[in-house]
Amino acid sequence: MIVCLCHRISDRDIERHARDGVRDFESLQDETCIARNCACCEDCAREIFEAARQRCRGEAPAAVAA
């Protein structure tokens, strides 16, 4: 699924960066420019990135607040 329309970044792209060792969302932004233009995707992108980081660390995903 495309998460960032402005830069055509998918959930798979975000997950790949997390697996490749990107440690925080700001570093992901530096590498991909995600959520830098309109920022409509920022919440979704952060959730996907954090879930991917947790999987990389072998942690259970955190519950998403409704």
C-alpha atoms as a PDB file:
ATOM      1  CA  MET A   1       0.000   0.000   0.000  1.00  0.00           C
ATOM      2  CA  ILE A   2       1.252   3.469  -0.819  1.00  0.00           C
ATOM      3  CA  VAL A   3       1.567   5.444   2.415  1.00  0.00           C
ATOM      4  CA  CYS A   4       3.130   8.671   1.158  1.00  0.00           C
ATOM      5  CA  LEU A   5       1.558   9.846  -2.086  1.00  0.00           C
ATOM      6  CA  CYS A   6       3.899  12.828  -2.398  1.00  0.00           C
ATOM      7  CA  HIS A   7       7.014  10.628  -2.533  1.00  0.00           C
ATOM      8  CA  ARG A   8       5.397   7.287  -3.524  1.00  0.00           C
ATOM      9  CA  ILE A   9       6.618   5.415  -0.453  1.00  0.00           C
ATOM     10  CA  SER A  10       4.906   2.170   0.446  1.00  0.00           C
ATOM     11  CA  ASP A  11       4.488   0.269   3.677  1.00  0.00           C
ATOM     12  CA  ARG A  12       7.003  -2.242   2.287  1.00  0.00           C
ATOM     13  CA  ASP A  13       9.535   0.552   1.760  1.00  0.00           C
ATOM     14  CA  ILE A  14       9.082   1.657   5.370  1.00  0.00           C
ATOM     15  CA  GLU A  15       9.436  -1.917   6.639  1.00  0.00           C
ATOM     16  CA  ARG A  16      12.569  -2.451   4.529  1.00  0.00           C
ATOM     17  CA  HIS A  17      14.194   0.650   6.003  1.00  0.00           C
ATOM     18  CA  ALA A  18      13.342  -0.552   9.518  1.00  0.00           C
ATOM     19  CA  ARG A  19      14.905  -3.964   8.770  1.00  0.00           C
ATOM     20  CA  ASP A  20      17.957  -2.233   7.315  1.00  0.00           C
ATOM     21  CA  GLY A  21      18.598  -0.499  10.627  1.00  0.00           C
ATOM     22  CA  VAL A  22      16.897   2.893  10.485  1.00  0.00           C
ATOM     23  CA  ARG A  23      16.446   3.598  14.188  1.00  0.00           C
ATOM     24  CA  ASP A  24      13.974   6.487  14.374  1.00  0.00           C
ATOM     25  CA  PHE A  25      11.317   8.201  12.316  1.00  0.00           C
ATOM     26  CA  GLU A  26      13.407  11.312  11.772  1.00  0.00           C
ATOM     27  CA  SER A  27      16.151   9.204  10.171  1.00  0.00           C
ATOM     28  CA  LEU A  28      13.501   7.560   7.988  1.00  0.00           C
ATOM     29  CA  GLN A  29      12.439  11.045   6.909  1.00  0.00           C
ATOM     30  CA  ASP A  30      16.054  11.955   6.112  1.00  0.00           C
ATOM     31  CA  GLU A  31      16.393   8.872   3.900  1.00  0.00           C
ATOM     32  CA  THR A  32      12.990   8.954   2.187  1.00  0.00           C
ATOM     33  CA  CYS A  33      11.469  12.442   2.680  1.00  0.00           C
ATOM     34  CA  ILE A  34       8.293  10.728   3.923  1.00  0.00           C
ATOM     35  CA  ALA A  35       5.805  13.103   5.595  1.00  0.00           C
ATOM     36  CA  ARG A  36       7.815  16.145   4.559  1.00  0.00           C
ATOM     37  CA  ASN A  37       5.459  17.771   2.034  1.00  0.00           C
ATOM     38  CA  CYS A  38       1.815  17.695   3.054  1.00  0.00           C
ATOM     39  CA  ALA A  39       2.365  15.406   6.096  1.00  0.00           C
ATOM     40  CA  CYS A  40      -1.059  13.765   5.662  1.00  0.00           C
ATOM     41  CA  CYS A  41       0.652  10.380   5.915  1.00  0.00           C
ATOM     42  CA  GLU A  42       2.682  11.065   9.056  1.00  0.00           C
ATOM     43  CA  ASP A  43       0.488   9.255  11.598  1.00  0.00           C
ATOM     44  CA  CYS A  44       0.112   6.177   9.415  1.00  0.00           C
ATOM     45  CA  ALA A  45       3.805   6.174   8.485  1.00  0.00           C
ATOM     46  CA  ARG A  46       4.859   6.436  12.133  1.00  0.00           C
ATOM     47  CA  GLU A  47       2.573   3.524  13.096  1.00  0.00           C
ATOM     48  CA  ILE A  48       3.936   1.317  10.315  1.00  0.00           C
ATOM     49  CA  PHE A  49       7.517   2.252  11.144  1.00  0.00           C
ATOM     50  CA  GLU A  50       7.123   1.622  14.888  1.00  0.00           C
ATOM     51  CA  ALA A  51       5.426  -1.739  14.289  1.00  0.00           C
ATOM     52  CA  ALA A  52       8.227  -2.749  11.921  1.00  0.00           C
ATOM     53  CA  ARG A  53      10.895  -1.660  14.442  1.00  0.00           C
ATOM     54  CA  GLN A  54       9.185  -3.728  17.152  1.00  0.00           C
ATOM     55  CA  ARG A  55       9.141  -6.786  14.887  1.00  0.00           C
ATOM     56  CA  CYS A  56      12.845  -6.279  14.177  1.00  0.00           C
ATOM     57  CA  ARG A  57      13.526  -6.226  17.911  1.00  0.00           C
ATOM     58  CA  GLY A  58      11.305  -9.262  18.447  1.00  0.00           C
ATOM     59  CA  GLU A  59       8.758  -7.388  20.530  1.00  0.00           C
ATOM     60  CA  ALA A  60       4.997  -7.783  20.388  1.00  0.00           C
ATOM     61  CA  PRO A  61       3.336  -4.845  18.597  1.00  0.00           C
ATOM     62  CA  ALA A  62       1.878  -2.187  20.876  1.00  0.00           C
ATOM     63  CA  ALA A  63      -1.876  -1.752  20.936  1.00  0.00           C
ATOM     64  CA  VAL A  64      -3.104   1.064  18.727  1.00  0.00           C
ATOM     65  CA  ALA A  65      -5.177   3.660  20.572  1.00  0.00           C
ATOM     66  CA  ALA A  66      -8.615   4.202  19.104  1.00  0.00           C
END
